[in-house]
Each structure stands twice: as structure tokens, then as C-alpha cells.
Amino acid sequence: MNKRVKRWAPIVALTAFLAGPSPAADTLAKDLTSTIALLGLPCGQVVSAKRLGENDYLATCSNKMRYRVFVNAQGRVVAQRQ
């Protein structure tokens, strides 16, 4: 690796880390917000989401409520309060 790349690599990595959530994370939060609202549950807006498995997420809402949003055995989307 040349000297210029060695010098800038940590700065580029730190900038990418500090840049904030990725567009994919933002899209996921919006999708989970819509899903929870369509299920008629209070949430406001999803502020963070953690993937638990395939089609299985833990969403934290702006009103401090948390929901596990997943697809059940019958293929239906379910949100369970945690």
C-alpha cells in the first residue's frame, strides 16, 4: 500500500462511520414505521431497528415503545409489543 493510501485510509473510515445511518437503514425505519401504523399500533416514528433474523426486526419508536415486527408461520406480518 502506498504512503498516501495509508495516511488517508483511517480518515476515510472514520468519516464513513460518523456520516450517520445509511440510506438502507433509513428506508428500513420508514418501512417499519408504516407497517406498525398500518397495524394500528401507537409508535410515532421508528428511531432505530435491529435485525433479529430474516423478516424479523426489533423496532424502537419515538414514543419509547418497542415492537418485534416479523412474518409469522401463516405468512402474515405481526408486531408484538416488547
PDB file of N, CA and C in Angstrom:
ATOM      1  N   MET A   1       0.860  -1.169   0.000  1.00  0.00           N
ATOM      2  CA  MET A   1       0.000   0.000   0.000  1.00  0.00           C
ATOM      3  C   MET A   1       0.906   1.231   0.000  1.00  0.00           C
ATOM      4  N   ASN A   2       0.571   2.219  -0.833  1.00  0.00           N
ATOM      5  CA  ASN A   2       1.446   3.386  -0.865  1.00  0.00           C
ATOM      6  C   ASN A   2       1.178   4.301   0.329  1.00  0.00           C
ATOM      7  N   LYS A   3       2.073   5.242   0.563  1.00  0.00           N
ATOM      8  CA  LYS A   3       2.016   6.104   1.745  1.00  0.00           C
ATOM      9  C   LYS A   3       0.755   6.963   1.771  1.00  0.00           C
ATOM     10  N   ARG A   4       0.325   7.445   0.622  1.00  0.00           N
ATOM     11  CA  ARG A   4      -0.852   8.308   0.562  1.00  0.00           C
ATOM     12  C   ARG A   4      -2.104   7.537   0.995  1.00  0.00           C
ATOM     13  N   VAL A   5      -2.239   6.304   0.535  1.00  0.00           N
ATOM     14  CA  VAL A   5      -3.395   5.480   0.906  1.00  0.00           C
ATOM     15  C   VAL A   5      -3.358   5.158   2.389  1.00  0.00           C
ATOM     16  N   LYS A   6      -2.186   4.819   2.922  1.00  0.00           N
ATOM     17  CA  LYS A   6      -2.049   4.520   4.347  1.00  0.00           C
ATOM     18  C   LYS A   6      -2.443   5.714   5.207  1.00  0.00           C
ATOM     19  N   ARG A   7      -2.085   6.905   4.775  1.00  0.00           N
ATOM     20  CA  ARG A   7      -2.375   8.100   5.552  1.00  0.00           C
ATOM     21  C   ARG A   7      -3.866   8.430   5.533  1.00  0.00           C
ATOM     22  N   TRP A   8      -4.554   8.256   4.423  1.00  0.00           N
ATOM     23  CA  TRP A   8      -5.956   8.648   4.296  1.00  0.00           C
ATOM     24  C   TRP A   8      -6.954   7.562   4.665  1.00  0.00           C
ATOM     25  N   ALA A   9      -6.544   6.313   4.702  1.00  0.00           N
ATOM     26  CA  ALA A   9      -7.480   5.215   4.979  1.00  0.00           C
ATOM     27  C   ALA A   9      -8.202   5.372   6.322  1.00  0.00           C
ATOM     28  N   PRO A  10      -7.526   5.673   7.430  1.00  0.00           N
ATOM     29  CA  PRO A  10      -8.250   5.840   8.693  1.00  0.00           C
ATOM     30  C   PRO A  10      -9.223   7.023   8.676  1.00  0.00           C
ATOM     31  N   ILE A  11      -8.857   8.082   7.995  1.00  0.00           N
ATOM     32  CA  ILE A  11      -9.724   9.257   7.924  1.00  0.00           C
ATOM     33  C   ILE A  11     -10.983   8.934   7.131  1.00  0.00           C
ATOM     34  N   VAL A  12     -10.832   8.242   6.033  1.00  0.00           N
ATOM     35  CA  VAL A  12     -11.985   7.852   5.221  1.00  0.00           C
ATOM     36  C   VAL A  12     -12.895   6.911   6.006  1.00  0.00           C
ATOM     37  N   ALA A  13     -12.328   5.971   6.723  1.00  0.00           N
ATOM     38  CA  ALA A  13     -13.131   5.036   7.514  1.00  0.00           C
ATOM     39  C   ALA A  13     -13.886   5.761   8.619  1.00  0.00           C
ATOM     40  N   LEU A  14     -13.244   6.680   9.296  1.00  0.00           N
ATOM     41  CA  LEU A  14     -13.889   7.438  10.366  1.00  0.00           C
ATOM     42  C   LEU A  14     -15.003   8.327   9.814  1.00  0.00           C
ATOM     43  N   THR A  15     -14.769   8.946   8.690  1.00  0.00           N
ATOM     44  CA  THR A  15     -15.787   9.793   8.059  1.00  0.00           C
ATOM     45  C   THR A  15     -17.006   8.971   7.683  1.00  0.00           C
ATOM     46  N   ALA A  16     -16.806   7.788   7.132  1.00  0.00           N
ATOM     47  CA  ALA A  16     -17.924   6.918   6.768  1.00  0.00           C
ATOM     48  C   ALA A  16     -18.699   6.498   8.011  1.00  0.00           C
ATOM     49  N   PHE A  17     -17.997   6.227   9.098  1.00  0.00           N
ATOM     50  CA  PHE A  17     -18.655   5.824  10.343  1.00  0.00           C
ATOM     51  C   PHE A  17     -19.474   6.966  10.930  1.00  0.00           C
ATOM     52  N   LEU A  18     -18.925   8.168  10.910  1.00  0.00           N
ATOM     53  CA  LEU A  18     -19.594   9.323  11.510  1.00  0.00           C
ATOM     54  C   LEU A  18     -20.662   9.938  10.613  1.00  0.00           C
ATOM     55  N   ALA A  19     -20.755   9.483   9.389  1.00  0.00           N
ATOM     56  CA  ALA A  19     -21.701  10.071   8.437  1.00  0.00           C
ATOM     57  C   ALA A  19     -23.145   9.814   8.825  1.00  0.00           C
ATOM     58  N   GLY A  20     -23.378   8.876   9.716  1.00  0.00           N
ATOM     59  CA  GLY A  20     -24.746   8.611  10.167  1.00  0.00           C
ATOM     60  C   GLY A  20     -25.311   7.368   9.524  1.00  0.00           C
ATOM     61  N   PRO A  21     -26.617   7.188   9.712  1.00  0.00           N
ATOM     62  CA  PRO A  21     -27.244   5.983   9.199  1.00  0.00           C
ATOM     63  C   PRO A  21     -27.204   5.923   7.683  1.00  0.00           C
ATOM     64  N   SER A  22     -27.128   4.720   7.192  1.00  0.00           N
ATOM     65  CA  SER A  22     -27.095   4.539   5.750  1.00  0.00           C
ATOM     66  C   SER A  22     -28.490   4.729   5.172  1.00  0.00           C
ATOM     67  N   PRO A  23     -28.580   4.990   3.880  1.00  0.00           N
ATOM     68  CA  PRO A  23     -29.900   5.112   3.264  1.00  0.00           C
ATOM     69  C   PRO A  23     -30.741   3.849   3.442  1.00  0.00           C
ATOM     70  N   ALA A  24     -30.096   2.691   3.482  1.00  0.00           N
ATOM     71  CA  ALA A  24     -30.834   1.445   3.690  1.00  0.00           C
ATOM     72  C   ALA A  24     -31.458   1.403   5.082  1.00  0.00           C
ATOM     73  N   ALA A  25     -30.732   1.876   6.092  1.00  0.00           N
ATOM     74  CA  ALA A  25     -31.268   1.910   7.453  1.00  0.00           C
ATOM     75  C   ALA A  25     -32.432   2.884   7.543  1.00  0.00           C
ATOM     76  N   ASP A  26     -32.317   4.011   6.837  1.00  0.00           N
ATOM     77  CA  ASP A  26     -33.400   4.997   6.830  1.00  0.00           C
ATOM     78  C   ASP A  26     -34.644   4.414   6.163  1.00  0.00           C
ATOM     79  N   THR A  27     -34.471   3.690   5.079  1.00  0.00           N
ATOM     80  CA  THR A  27     -35.586   3.052   4.384  1.00  0.00           C
ATOM     81  C   THR A  27     -36.228   1.995   5.270  1.00  0.00           C
ATOM     82  N   LEU A  28     -35.439   1.222   5.978  1.00  0.00           N
ATOM     83  CA  LEU A  28     -35.965   0.205   6.883  1.00  0.00           C
ATOM     84  C   LEU A  28     -36.803   0.851   7.981  1.00  0.00           C
ATOM     85  N   ALA A  29     -36.306   1.938   8.566  1.00  0.00           N
ATOM     86  CA  ALA A  29     -37.054   2.628   9.620  1.00  0.00           C
ATOM     87  C   ALA A  29     -38.389   3.141   9.087  1.00  0.00           C
ATOM     88  N   LYS A  30     -38.391   3.686   7.887  1.00  0.00           N
ATOM     89  CA  LYS A  30     -39.636   4.175   7.283  1.00  0.00           C
ATOM     90  C   LYS A  30     -40.602   3.019   7.023  1.00  0.00           C
ATOM     91  N   ASP A  31     -40.087   1.916   6.515  1.00  0.00           N
ATOM     92  CA  ASP A  31     -40.933   0.746   6.251  1.00  0.00           C
ATOM     93  C   ASP A  31     -41.538   0.196   7.540  1.00  0.00           C
ATOM     94  N   LEU A  32     -40.739   0.112   8.589  1.00  0.00           N
ATOM     95  CA  LEU A  32     -41.249  -0.387   9.865  1.00  0.00           C
ATOM     96  C   LEU A  32     -42.261   0.590  10.469  1.00  0.00           C
ATOM     97  N   THR A  33     -42.025   1.889  10.324  1.00  0.00           N
ATOM     98  CA  THR A  33     -42.979   2.889  10.804  1.00  0.00           C
ATOM     99  C   THR A  33     -44.320   2.702  10.108  1.00  0.00           C
ATOM    100  N   SER A  34     -44.292   2.527   8.809  1.00  0.00           N
ATOM    101  CA  SER A  34     -45.532   2.320   8.044  1.00  0.00           C
ATOM    102  C   SER A  34     -46.226   1.032   8.448  1.00  0.00           C
ATOM    103  N   THR A  35     -45.470  -0.023   8.619  1.00  0.00           N
ATOM    104  CA  THR A  35     -46.038  -1.318   8.989  1.00  0.00           C
ATOM    105  C   THR A  35     -46.724  -1.241  10.342  1.00  0.00           C
ATOM    106  N   ILE A  36     -46.073  -0.648  11.314  1.00  0.00           N
ATOM    107  CA  ILE A  36     -46.648  -0.536  12.653  1.00  0.00           C
ATOM    108  C   ILE A  36     -47.909   0.328  12.619  1.00  0.00           C
ATOM    109  N   ALA A  37     -47.880   1.418  11.852  1.00  0.00           N
ATOM    110  CA  ALA A  37     -49.053   2.289  11.736  1.00  0.00           C
ATOM    111  C   ALA A  37     -50.211   1.548  11.069  1.00  0.00           C
ATOM    112  N   LEU A  38     -49.931   0.782  10.014  1.00  0.00           N
ATOM    113  CA  LEU A  38     -50.982   0.029   9.322  1.00  0.00           C
ATOM    114  C   LEU A  38     -51.603  -1.043  10.216  1.00  0.00           C
ATOM    115  N   LEU A  39     -50.842  -1.517  11.181  1.00  0.00           N
ATOM    116  CA  LEU A  39     -51.369  -2.497  12.132  1.00  0.00           C
ATOM    117  C   LEU A  39     -52.142  -1.811  13.263  1.00  0.00           C
ATOM    118  N   GLY A  40     -52.191  -0.478  13.237  1.00  0.00           N
ATOM    119  CA  GLY A  40     -52.971   0.280  14.203  1.00  0.00           C
ATOM    120  C   GLY A  40     -52.341   0.423  15.574  1.00  0.00           C
ATOM    121  N   LEU A  41     -51.035   0.321  15.628  1.00  0.00           N
ATOM    122  CA  LEU A  41     -50.333   0.412  16.908  1.00  0.00           C
ATOM    123  C   LEU A  41     -49.689   1.783  17.069  1.00  0.00           C
ATOM    124  N   PRO A  42     -49.646   2.310  18.301  1.00  0.00           N
ATOM    125  CA  PRO A  42     -49.015   3.613  18.521  1.00  0.00           C
ATOM    126  C   PRO A  42     -47.490   3.505  18.417  1.00  0.00           C
ATOM    127  N   CYS A  43     -46.921   4.443  17.694  1.00  0.00           N
ATOM    128  CA  CYS A  43     -45.465   4.419  17.542  1.00  0.00           C
ATOM    129  C   CYS A  43     -44.914   5.812  17.319  1.00  0.00           C
ATOM    130  N   GLY A  44     -45.521   6.567  16.465  1.00  0.00           N
ATOM    131  CA  GLY A  44     -44.937   7.838  16.041  1.00  0.00           C
ATOM    132  C   GLY A  44     -44.026   7.549  14.876  1.00  0.00           C
ATOM    133  N   GLN A  45     -42.756   7.357  15.162  1.00  0.00           N
ATOM    134  CA  GLN A  45     -41.768   7.098  14.123  1.00  0.00           C
ATOM    135  C   GLN A  45     -40.727   6.136  14.675  1.00  0.00           C
ATOM    136  N   VAL A  46     -40.300   5.188  13.870  1.00  0.00           N
ATOM    137  CA  VAL A  46     -39.238   4.263  14.284  1.00  0.00           C
ATOM    138  C   VAL A  46     -37.915   5.017  14.257  1.00  0.00           C
ATOM    139  N   VAL A  47     -37.232   5.019  15.395  1.00  0.00           N
ATOM    140  CA  VAL A  47     -35.957   5.735  15.500  1.00  0.00           C
ATOM    141  C   VAL A  47     -34.758   4.796  15.412  1.00  0.00           C
ATOM    142  N   SER A  48     -34.983   3.502  15.679  1.00  0.00           N
ATOM    143  CA  SER A  48     -33.910   2.524  15.492  1.00  0.00           C
ATOM    144  C   SER A  48     -34.518   1.153  15.258  1.00  0.00           C
ATOM    145  N   ALA A  49     -33.758   0.327  14.555  1.00  0.00           N
ATOM    146  CA  ALA A  49     -34.227  -1.022  14.252  1.00  0.00           C
ATOM    147  C   ALA A  49     -33.048  -1.976  14.294  1.00  0.00           C
ATOM    148  N   LYS A  50     -33.301  -3.143  14.849  1.00  0.00           N
ATOM    149  CA  LYS A  50     -32.263  -4.175  14.934  1.00  0.00           C
ATOM    150  C   LYS A  50     -32.810  -5.429  14.260  1.00  0.00           C
ATOM    151  N   ARG A  51     -32.026  -5.982  13.355  1.00  0.00           N
ATOM    152  CA  ARG A  51     -32.442  -7.193  12.673  1.00  0.00           C
ATOM    153  C   ARG A  51     -32.190  -8.391  13.581  1.00  0.00           C
ATOM    154  N   LEU A  52     -33.244  -9.170  13.813  1.00  0.00           N
ATOM    155  CA  LEU A  52     -33.138 -10.367  14.647  1.00  0.00           C
ATOM    156  C   LEU A  52     -32.994 -11.623  13.806  1.00  0.00           C
ATOM    157  N   GLY A  53     -33.479 -11.575  12.590  1.00  0.00           N
ATOM    158  CA  GLY A  53     -33.432 -12.705  11.678  1.00  0.00           C
ATOM    159  C   GLY A  53     -34.057 -12.294  10.366  1.00  0.00           C
ATOM    160  N   GLU A  54     -34.265 -13.269   9.492  1.00  0.00           N
ATOM    161  CA  GLU A  54     -34.893 -12.974   8.210  1.00  0.00           C
ATOM    162  C   GLU A  54     -36.340 -12.555   8.451  1.00  0.00           C
ATOM    163  N   ASN A  55     -36.710 -11.374   7.974  1.00  0.00           N
ATOM    164  CA  ASN A  55     -38.059 -10.820   8.171  1.00  0.00           C
ATOM    165  C   ASN A  55     -38.436 -10.753   9.644  1.00  0.00           C
ATOM    166  N   ASP A  56     -37.503 -10.372  10.483  1.00  0.00           N
ATOM    167  CA  ASP A  56     -37.722 -10.303  11.926  1.00  0.00           C
ATOM    168  C   ASP A  56     -36.885  -9.150  12.486  1.00  0.00           C
ATOM    169  N   TYR A  57     -37.570  -8.117  13.022  1.00  0.00           N
ATOM    170  CA  TYR A  57     -36.887  -6.905  13.475  1.00  0.00           C
ATOM    171  C   TYR A  57     -37.395  -6.464  14.837  1.00  0.00           C
ATOM    172  N   LEU A  58     -36.543  -5.794  15.575  1.00  0.00           N
ATOM    173  CA  LEU A  58     -36.927  -5.136  16.814  1.00  0.00           C
ATOM    174  C   LEU A  58     -36.876  -3.638  16.534  1.00  0.00           C
ATOM    175  N   ALA A  59     -38.050  -2.991  16.582  1.00  0.00           N
ATOM    176  CA  ALA A  59     -38.158  -1.568  16.263  1.00  0.00           C
ATOM    177  C   ALA A  59     -38.384  -0.773  17.538  1.00  0.00           C
ATOM    178  N   THR A  60     -37.655   0.314  17.695  1.00  0.00           N
ATOM    179  CA  THR A  60     -37.848   1.235  18.806  1.00  0.00           C
ATOM    180  C   THR A  60     -38.448   2.514  18.240  1.00  0.00           C
ATOM    181  N   CYS A  61     -39.575   2.924  18.836  1.00  0.00           N
ATOM    182  CA  CYS A  61     -40.316   4.082  18.338  1.00  0.00           C
ATOM    183  C   CYS A  61     -39.950   5.359  19.079  1.00  0.00           C
ATOM    184  N   SER A  62     -40.354   6.480  18.494  1.00  0.00           N
ATOM    185  CA  SER A  62     -40.085   7.781  19.110  1.00  0.00           C
ATOM    186  C   SER A  62     -40.841   7.962  20.423  1.00  0.00           C
ATOM    187  N   ASN A  63     -41.920   7.193  20.629  1.00  0.00           N
ATOM    188  CA  ASN A  63     -42.669   7.268  21.892  1.00  0.00           C
ATOM    189  C   ASN A  63     -42.146   6.261  22.920  1.00  0.00           C
ATOM    190  N   LYS A  64     -40.975   5.711  22.677  1.00  0.00           N
ATOM    191  CA  LYS A  64     -40.256   4.777  23.553  1.00  0.00           C
ATOM    192  C   LYS A  64     -40.836   3.362  23.566  1.00  0.00           C
ATOM    193  N   MET A  65     -41.859   3.097  22.758  1.00  0.00           N
ATOM    194  CA  MET A  65     -42.397   1.732  22.680  1.00  0.00           C
ATOM    195  C   MET A  65     -41.504   0.917  21.752  1.00  0.00           C
ATOM    196  N   ARG A  66     -41.434  -0.380  22.041  1.00  0.00           N
ATOM    197  CA  ARG A  66     -40.638  -1.288  21.209  1.00  0.00           C
ATOM    198  C   ARG A  66     -41.537  -2.401  20.701  1.00  0.00           C
ATOM    199  N   TYR A  67     -41.344  -2.764  19.445  1.00  0.00           N
ATOM    200  CA  TYR A  67     -42.128  -3.821  18.824  1.00  0.00           C
ATOM    201  C   TYR A  67     -41.217  -4.798  18.104  1.00  0.00           C
ATOM    202  N   ARG A  68     -41.572  -6.055  18.211  1.00  0.00           N
ATOM    203  CA  ARG A  68     -40.934  -7.078  17.373  1.00  0.00           C
ATOM    204  C   ARG A  68     -41.847  -7.223  16.168  1.00  0.00           C
ATOM    205  N   VAL A  69     -41.330  -6.916  14.996  1.00  0.00           N
ATOM    206  CA  VAL A  69     -42.092  -6.987  13.753  1.00  0.00           C
ATOM    207  C   VAL A  69     -41.525  -8.150  12.947  1.00  0.00           C
ATOM    208  N   PHE A  70     -42.413  -9.104  12.626  1.00  0.00           N
ATOM    209  CA  PHE A  70     -41.952 -10.301  11.935  1.00  0.00           C
ATOM    210  C   PHE A  70     -43.070 -10.901  11.098  1.00  0.00           C
ATOM    211  N   VAL A  71     -42.709 -11.868  10.267  1.00  0.00           N
ATOM    212  CA  VAL A  71     -43.682 -12.615   9.473  1.00  0.00           C
ATOM    213  C   VAL A  71     -43.907 -13.937  10.186  1.00  0.00           C
ATOM    214  N   ASN A  72     -45.176 -14.219  10.545  1.00  0.00           N
ATOM    215  CA  ASN A  72     -45.478 -15.445  11.286  1.00  0.00           C
ATOM    216  C   ASN A  72     -45.559 -16.659  10.354  1.00  0.00           C
ATOM    217  N   ALA A  73     -45.856 -17.821  10.903  1.00  0.00           N
ATOM    218  CA  ALA A  73     -45.888 -19.072  10.144  1.00  0.00           C
ATOM    219  C   ALA A  73     -46.954 -19.056   9.048  1.00  0.00           C
ATOM    220  N   GLN A  74     -47.994 -18.248   9.231  1.00  0.00           N
ATOM    221  CA  GLN A  74     -49.045 -18.155   8.227  1.00  0.00           C
ATOM    222  C   GLN A  74     -48.734 -17.116   7.147  1.00  0.00           C
ATOM    223  N   GLY A  75     -47.582 -16.479   7.238  1.00  0.00           N
ATOM    224  CA  GLY A  75     -47.168 -15.512   6.245  1.00  0.00           C
ATOM    225  C   GLY A  75     -47.704 -14.108   6.479  1.00  0.00           C
ATOM    226  N   ARG A  76     -48.249 -13.848   7.647  1.00  0.00           N
ATOM    227  CA  ARG A  76     -48.788 -12.528   7.982  1.00  0.00           C
ATOM    228  C   ARG A  76     -47.762 -11.714   8.770  1.00  0.00           C
ATOM    229  N   VAL A  77     -47.760 -10.416   8.541  1.00  0.00           N
ATOM    230  CA  VAL A  77     -46.874  -9.528   9.284  1.00  0.00           C
ATOM    231  C   VAL A  77     -47.513  -9.256  10.648  1.00  0.00           C
ATOM    232  N   VAL A  78     -46.724  -9.415  11.694  1.00  0.00           N
ATOM    233  CA  VAL A  78     -47.195  -9.253  13.073  1.00  0.00           C
ATOM    234  C   VAL A  78     -46.253  -8.296  13.787  1.00  0.00           C
ATOM    235  N   ALA A  79     -46.821  -7.477  14.670  1.00  0.00           N
ATOM    236  CA  ALA A  79     -45.998  -6.617  15.543  1.00  0.00           C
ATOM    237  C   ALA A  79     -46.401  -6.902  16.980  1.00  0.00           C
ATOM    238  N   GLN A  80     -45.454  -7.373  17.774  1.00  0.00           N
ATOM    239  CA  GLN A  80     -45.699  -7.679  19.177  1.00  0.00           C
ATOM    240  C   GLN A  80     -44.968  -6.652  20.033  1.00  0.00           C
ATOM    241  N   ARG A  81     -45.694  -6.090  21.004  1.00  0.00           N
ATOM    242  CA  ARG A  81     -45.062  -5.132  21.915  1.00  0.00           C
ATOM    243  C   ARG A  81     -44.057  -5.866  22.802  1.00  0.00           C
ATOM    244  N   GLN A  82     -42.922  -5.257  22.984  1.00  0.00           N
ATOM    245  CA  GLN A  82     -41.846  -5.872  23.785  1.00  0.00           C
ATOM    246  C   GLN A  82     -41.680  -5.147  25.098  1.00  0.00           C
TER     247      GLN A  82
END
